Amino acid sequence: MKGNPFFTQQRPGLHERIFKLIKFRTMTNERDKDGNLLPDSVRLNRYGRFLRSTSLDELPELINIFKGDMSIVGPRPLLVKYLPFYKQEERVRHSVRPGLTGFAQVNGRNNLDWDARIELDVQYVQKITFLGDIKIILQTVGKVLKRSDIASGEDQLVMQDLDKERAWMLKKEEEEKS
């Protein structure tokens, strides 16, 4: 891939403070004739699939850990645009630093629906222990070595974005205000 090998994106961290997440770039910026990004499946090349299938695309997040934006274990930092779509009880996921790996990652990762994934994040925050973190780290190493539950591209966008899945929440709020 030509150009900058890094991809940065704004993500909410501890107490929903926004930070720049750093990853290895796995997709091109190819666009159609109207300037719209092509689908992810078209922009993800062989190099990107390899990085994702080995989880090496996450390695630059160690910089985020050294900077104090992230922890080794914690809920994965999701997109900023998802912030309005968390249920009140789910916001607790932002009371700890986001992690390079987490409870949801070792219990299904991309094979979970949003409710299950976020519920595991909440369970982690409520029961956080040093030994639990060690267990999650060891399980993560096993999953990475086996390449299990890793989205490599073709299977990645099966799940709808959280903001689209929970659009009803904003509609309900608007109706309640009227």
C-alpha atoms as a PDB file:
ATOM      1  CA  MET A   1       0.000   0.000   0.000  1.00  0.00           C
ATOM      2  CA  LYS A   2       1.383   3.384  -0.931  1.00  0.00           C
ATOM      3  CA  GLY A   3       1.525   6.357   1.430  1.00  0.00           C
ATOM      4  CA  ASN A   4       1.081   6.512   5.173  1.00  0.00           C
ATOM      5  CA  PRO A   5       0.983   3.000   6.666  1.00  0.00           C
ATOM      6  CA  PHE A   6      -1.058   4.246   9.625  1.00  0.00           C
ATOM      7  CA  PHE A   7      -4.766   4.865   9.969  1.00  0.00           C
ATOM      8  CA  THR A   8      -6.010   7.136  12.740  1.00  0.00           C
ATOM      9  CA  GLN A   9      -9.561   7.620  13.849  1.00  0.00           C
ATOM     10  CA  GLN A  10     -11.262   9.515  16.657  1.00  0.00           C
ATOM     11  CA  ARG A  11     -12.608   7.184  19.360  1.00  0.00           C
ATOM     12  CA  PRO A  12     -14.170   7.755  22.784  1.00  0.00           C
ATOM     13  CA  GLY A  13     -12.006   6.706  25.688  1.00  0.00           C
ATOM     14  CA  LEU A  14     -12.129   7.052  29.456  1.00  0.00           C
ATOM     15  CA  HIS A  15     -15.134   9.211  30.470  1.00  0.00           C
ATOM     16  CA  GLU A  16     -15.985   9.503  26.737  1.00  0.00           C
ATOM     17  CA  ARG A  17     -12.971  11.774  26.109  1.00  0.00           C
ATOM     18  CA  ILE A  18     -12.030  11.565  22.452  1.00  0.00           C
ATOM     19  CA  PHE A  19      -8.565  10.329  21.438  1.00  0.00           C
ATOM     20  CA  LYS A  20      -6.882   9.289  18.185  1.00  0.00           C
ATOM     21  CA  LEU A  21      -6.759   5.502  17.779  1.00  0.00           C
ATOM     22  CA  ILE A  22      -3.760   4.350  15.726  1.00  0.00           C
ATOM     23  CA  LYS A  23      -3.862   1.216  13.549  1.00  0.00           C
ATOM     24  CA  PHE A  24      -2.094  -0.066  10.473  1.00  0.00           C
ATOM     25  CA  ARG A  25      -3.966   0.922   7.320  1.00  0.00           C
ATOM     26  CA  THR A  26      -5.683  -2.129   5.804  1.00  0.00           C
ATOM     27  CA  MET A  27      -7.787  -0.504   3.073  1.00  0.00           C
ATOM     28  CA  THR A  28      -7.160   1.816   0.172  1.00  0.00           C
ATOM     29  CA  ASN A  29      -8.976   5.128  -0.214  1.00  0.00           C
ATOM     30  CA  GLU A  30     -10.382   4.203  -3.642  1.00  0.00           C
ATOM     31  CA  ARG A  31     -13.476   6.186  -4.626  1.00  0.00           C
ATOM     32  CA  ASP A  32     -16.117   5.990  -7.340  1.00  0.00           C
ATOM     33  CA  LYS A  33     -16.613   8.655 -10.023  1.00  0.00           C
ATOM     34  CA  ASP A  34     -18.774  10.696  -7.595  1.00  0.00           C
ATOM     35  CA  GLY A  35     -16.058  10.757  -4.926  1.00  0.00           C
ATOM     36  CA  ASN A  36     -17.719   8.209  -2.615  1.00  0.00           C
ATOM     37  CA  LEU A  37     -15.556   5.550  -0.984  1.00  0.00           C
ATOM     38  CA  LEU A  38     -15.912   2.162  -2.647  1.00  0.00           C
ATOM     39  CA  PRO A  39     -17.294  -0.683  -0.497  1.00  0.00           C
ATOM     40  CA  ASP A  40     -14.894  -2.076   2.107  1.00  0.00           C
ATOM     41  CA  SER A  41     -14.786  -5.438   0.322  1.00  0.00           C
ATOM     42  CA  VAL A  42     -13.314  -3.680  -2.746  1.00  0.00           C
ATOM     43  CA  ARG A  43     -10.870  -1.485  -0.825  1.00  0.00           C
ATOM     44  CA  LEU A  44      -9.476  -4.303   1.366  1.00  0.00           C
ATOM     45  CA  ASN A  45      -6.518  -5.879  -0.427  1.00  0.00           C
ATOM     46  CA  ARG A  46      -4.420  -8.995   0.230  1.00  0.00           C
ATOM     47  CA  TYR A  47      -2.033  -7.115   2.534  1.00  0.00           C
ATOM     48  CA  GLY A  48      -4.956  -5.739   4.561  1.00  0.00           C
ATOM     49  CA  ARG A  49      -6.607  -9.161   4.835  1.00  0.00           C
ATOM     50  CA  PHE A  50      -3.325 -10.587   6.144  1.00  0.00           C
ATOM     51  CA  LEU A  51      -2.946  -7.807   8.732  1.00  0.00           C
ATOM     52  CA  ARG A  52      -6.516  -8.300   9.941  1.00  0.00           C
ATOM     53  CA  SER A  53      -6.394 -12.106   9.979  1.00  0.00           C
ATOM     54  CA  THR A  54      -3.287 -11.975  12.188  1.00  0.00           C
ATOM     55  CA  SER A  55      -4.559  -8.988  14.243  1.00  0.00           C
ATOM     56  CA  LEU A  56      -1.306  -7.189  13.370  1.00  0.00           C
ATOM     57  CA  ASP A  57      -3.344  -4.156  12.284  1.00  0.00           C
ATOM     58  CA  GLU A  58      -3.937  -3.523  16.009  1.00  0.00           C
ATOM     59  CA  LEU A  59      -0.216  -3.395  16.936  1.00  0.00           C
ATOM     60  CA  PRO A  60       0.149   0.420  16.680  1.00  0.00           C
ATOM     61  CA  GLU A  61      -2.449   0.714  19.446  1.00  0.00           C
ATOM     62  CA  LEU A  62       0.475   0.000  21.783  1.00  0.00           C
ATOM     63  CA  ILE A  63       1.314   3.676  21.201  1.00  0.00           C
ATOM     64  CA  ASN A  64      -2.158   4.556  22.540  1.00  0.00           C
ATOM     65  CA  ILE A  65      -1.426   2.400  25.592  1.00  0.00           C
ATOM     66  CA  PHE A  66       1.921   4.130  26.229  1.00  0.00           C
ATOM     67  CA  LYS A  67       0.220   7.532  25.851  1.00  0.00           C
ATOM     68  CA  GLY A  68      -2.392   6.547  28.447  1.00  0.00           C
ATOM     69  CA  ASP A  69      -5.362   6.648  26.061  1.00  0.00           C
ATOM     70  CA  MET A  70      -5.892   2.895  26.295  1.00  0.00           C
ATOM     71  CA  SER A  71      -5.184  -0.113  28.474  1.00  0.00           C
ATOM     72  CA  ILE A  72      -4.163  -3.615  27.461  1.00  0.00           C
ATOM     73  CA  VAL A  73      -7.535  -4.983  28.634  1.00  0.00           C
ATOM     74  CA  GLY A  74     -10.854  -3.152  28.585  1.00  0.00           C
ATOM     75  CA  PRO A  75     -13.864  -2.604  26.342  1.00  0.00           C
ATOM     76  CA  ARG A  76     -12.754  -2.005  22.752  1.00  0.00           C
ATOM     77  CA  PRO A  77     -13.065   1.654  21.744  1.00  0.00           C
ATOM     78  CA  LEU A  78     -15.995   1.986  19.361  1.00  0.00           C
ATOM     79  CA  LEU A  79     -16.852   4.809  16.972  1.00  0.00           C
ATOM     80  CA  VAL A  80     -17.624   8.336  18.204  1.00  0.00           C
ATOM     81  CA  LYS A  81     -20.854   8.335  16.177  1.00  0.00           C
ATOM     82  CA  TYR A  82     -22.163   5.546  18.445  1.00  0.00           C
ATOM     83  CA  LEU A  83     -22.095   7.688  21.618  1.00  0.00           C
ATOM     84  CA  PRO A  84     -25.779   8.812  21.385  1.00  0.00           C
ATOM     85  CA  PHE A  85     -26.875   5.197  20.932  1.00  0.00           C
ATOM     86  CA  TYR A  86     -25.731   3.668  24.205  1.00  0.00           C
ATOM     87  CA  LYS A  87     -28.433   2.811  26.699  1.00  0.00           C
ATOM     88  CA  GLN A  88     -27.830   4.541  30.043  1.00  0.00           C
ATOM     89  CA  GLU A  89     -26.649   1.339  31.753  1.00  0.00           C
ATOM     90  CA  GLU A  90     -24.172   0.700  28.902  1.00  0.00           C
ATOM     91  CA  ARG A  91     -22.343   4.011  29.377  1.00  0.00           C
ATOM     92  CA  VAL A  92     -20.442   2.403  32.255  1.00  0.00           C
ATOM     93  CA  ARG A  93     -18.170   0.909  29.563  1.00  0.00           C
ATOM     94  CA  HIS A  94     -16.540   4.360  29.409  1.00  0.00           C
ATOM     95  CA  SER A  95     -15.704   4.425  33.138  1.00  0.00           C
ATOM     96  CA  VAL A  96     -12.478   2.517  32.371  1.00  0.00           C
ATOM     97  CA  ARG A  97      -9.845   2.961  29.682  1.00  0.00           C
ATOM     98  CA  PRO A  98     -10.668   1.127  26.460  1.00  0.00           C
ATOM     99  CA  GLY A  99      -8.531  -1.904  25.761  1.00  0.00           C
ATOM    100  CA  LEU A 100      -6.474  -3.506  23.048  1.00  0.00           C
ATOM    101  CA  THR A 101      -8.448  -6.629  23.926  1.00  0.00           C
ATOM    102  CA  GLY A 102     -11.421  -7.254  26.137  1.00  0.00           C
ATOM    103  CA  PHE A 103     -13.977  -9.642  27.579  1.00  0.00           C
ATOM    104  CA  ALA A 104     -16.166  -9.416  24.459  1.00  0.00           C
ATOM    105  CA  GLN A 105     -13.176 -10.178  22.212  1.00  0.00           C
ATOM    106  CA  VAL A 106     -12.461 -13.491  23.946  1.00  0.00           C
ATOM    107  CA  ASN A 107     -16.147 -14.428  24.099  1.00  0.00           C
ATOM    108  CA  GLY A 108     -17.155 -14.200  20.479  1.00  0.00           C
ATOM    109  CA  ARG A 109     -15.771 -10.897  19.174  1.00  0.00           C
ATOM    110  CA  ASN A 110     -17.291 -10.177  15.758  1.00  0.00           C
ATOM    111  CA  ASN A 111     -19.631 -13.158  16.038  1.00  0.00           C
ATOM    112  CA  LEU A 112     -21.700 -11.349  18.693  1.00  0.00           C
ATOM    113  CA  ASP A 113     -24.578  -8.963  18.126  1.00  0.00           C
ATOM    114  CA  TRP A 114     -24.319  -5.443  19.567  1.00  0.00           C
ATOM    115  CA  ASP A 115     -26.420  -6.104  22.662  1.00  0.00           C
ATOM    116  CA  ALA A 116     -24.326  -9.153  23.616  1.00  0.00           C
ATOM    117  CA  ARG A 117     -21.021  -7.422  22.902  1.00  0.00           C
ATOM    118  CA  ILE A 118     -21.871  -4.333  24.941  1.00  0.00           C
ATOM    119  CA  GLU A 119     -23.334  -6.451  27.755  1.00  0.00           C
ATOM    120  CA  LEU A 120     -19.974  -8.265  28.024  1.00  0.00           C
ATOM    121  CA  ASP A 121     -18.239  -4.869  28.211  1.00  0.00           C
ATOM    122  CA  VAL A 122     -20.544  -3.888  31.083  1.00  0.00           C
ATOM    123  CA  GLN A 123     -19.905  -7.211  32.864  1.00  0.00           C
ATOM    124  CA  TYR A 124     -16.159  -6.642  32.521  1.00  0.00           C
ATOM    125  CA  VAL A 125     -16.356  -3.166  34.054  1.00  0.00           C
ATOM    126  CA  GLN A 126     -18.501  -4.435  36.950  1.00  0.00           C
ATOM    127  CA  LYS A 127     -16.208  -7.398  37.749  1.00  0.00           C
ATOM    128  CA  ILE A 128     -12.754  -6.111  36.789  1.00  0.00           C
ATOM    129  CA  THR A 129      -9.891  -7.986  38.479  1.00  0.00           C
ATOM    130  CA  PHE A 130      -6.179  -8.394  37.884  1.00  0.00           C
ATOM    131  CA  LEU A 131      -6.528 -12.181  37.504  1.00  0.00           C
ATOM    132  CA  GLY A 132      -9.455 -11.676  35.135  1.00  0.00           C
ATOM    133  CA  ASP A 133      -7.280  -9.401  32.974  1.00  0.00           C
ATOM    134  CA  ILE A 134      -4.487 -12.005  32.916  1.00  0.00           C
ATOM    135  CA  LYS A 135      -7.022 -14.645  31.814  1.00  0.00           C
ATOM    136  CA  ILE A 136      -8.306 -12.346  29.029  1.00  0.00           C
ATOM    137  CA  ILE A 137      -4.741 -11.673  27.836  1.00  0.00           C
ATOM    138  CA  LEU A 138      -3.955 -15.412  27.701  1.00  0.00           C
ATOM    139  CA  GLN A 139      -7.231 -16.164  25.908  1.00  0.00           C
ATOM    140  CA  THR A 140      -6.478 -13.372  23.429  1.00  0.00           C
ATOM    141  CA  VAL A 141      -3.062 -14.843  22.636  1.00  0.00           C
ATOM    142  CA  GLY A 142      -4.744 -18.202  21.989  1.00  0.00           C
ATOM    143  CA  LYS A 143      -7.379 -16.667  19.715  1.00  0.00           C
ATOM    144  CA  VAL A 144      -4.782 -14.664  17.771  1.00  0.00           C
ATOM    145  CA  LEU A 145      -2.588 -17.720  17.272  1.00  0.00           C
ATOM    146  CA  LYS A 146      -5.600 -19.778  16.158  1.00  0.00           C
ATOM    147  CA  ARG A 147      -6.967 -16.798  14.180  1.00  0.00           C
ATOM    148  CA  SER A 148     -10.412 -17.432  15.614  1.00  0.00           C
ATOM    149  CA  ASP A 149     -13.256 -14.886  15.718  1.00  0.00           C
ATOM    150  CA  ILE A 150     -11.235 -12.467  13.575  1.00  0.00           C
ATOM    151  CA  ALA A 151     -12.951 -10.455  10.856  1.00  0.00           C
ATOM    152  CA  SER A 152     -10.710 -10.551   7.828  1.00  0.00           C
ATOM    153  CA  GLY A 153     -12.826  -8.649   5.346  1.00  0.00           C
ATOM    154  CA  GLU A 154     -15.375 -10.766   3.533  1.00  0.00           C
ATOM    155  CA  ASP A 155     -17.181 -11.704   6.745  1.00  0.00           C
ATOM    156  CA  GLN A 156     -16.696  -8.361   8.436  1.00  0.00           C
ATOM    157  CA  LEU A 157     -19.715  -6.225   7.693  1.00  0.00           C
ATOM    158  CA  VAL A 158     -22.387  -8.802   8.476  1.00  0.00           C
ATOM    159  CA  MET A 159     -23.469  -6.820  11.524  1.00  0.00           C
ATOM    160  CA  GLN A 160     -25.216  -3.496  11.015  1.00  0.00           C
ATOM    161  CA  ASP A 161     -23.590  -0.368  12.487  1.00  0.00           C
ATOM    162  CA  LEU A 162     -24.786   0.368  16.025  1.00  0.00           C
ATOM    163  CA  ASP A 163     -26.158   3.788  15.058  1.00  0.00           C
ATOM    164  CA  LYS A 164     -28.297   2.242  12.314  1.00  0.00           C
ATOM    165  CA  GLU A 165     -29.418  -0.672  14.488  1.00  0.00           C
ATOM    166  CA  ARG A 166     -30.462   1.672  17.299  1.00  0.00           C
ATOM    167  CA  ALA A 167     -31.819   4.605  15.271  1.00  0.00           C
ATOM    168  CA  TRP A 168     -35.118   3.991  17.049  1.00  0.00           C
ATOM    169  CA  MET A 169     -33.581   5.429  20.240  1.00  0.00           C
ATOM    170  CA  LEU A 170     -33.259   8.930  18.784  1.00  0.00           C
ATOM    171  CA  LYS A 171     -36.744   8.747  17.269  1.00  0.00           C
ATOM    172  CA  LYS A 172     -38.152   7.749  20.669  1.00  0.00           C
ATOM    173  CA  GLU A 173     -36.371  10.684  22.367  1.00  0.00           C
ATOM    174  CA  GLU A 174     -37.739  13.110  19.772  1.00  0.00           C
ATOM    175  CA  GLU A 175     -41.265  11.749  20.256  1.00  0.00           C
ATOM    176  CA  GLU A 176     -40.982  12.102  24.045  1.00  0.00           C
ATOM    177  CA  LYS A 177     -39.899  15.751  23.686  1.00  0.00           C
ATOM    178  CA  SER A 178     -42.914  16.553  21.474  1.00  0.00           C
END
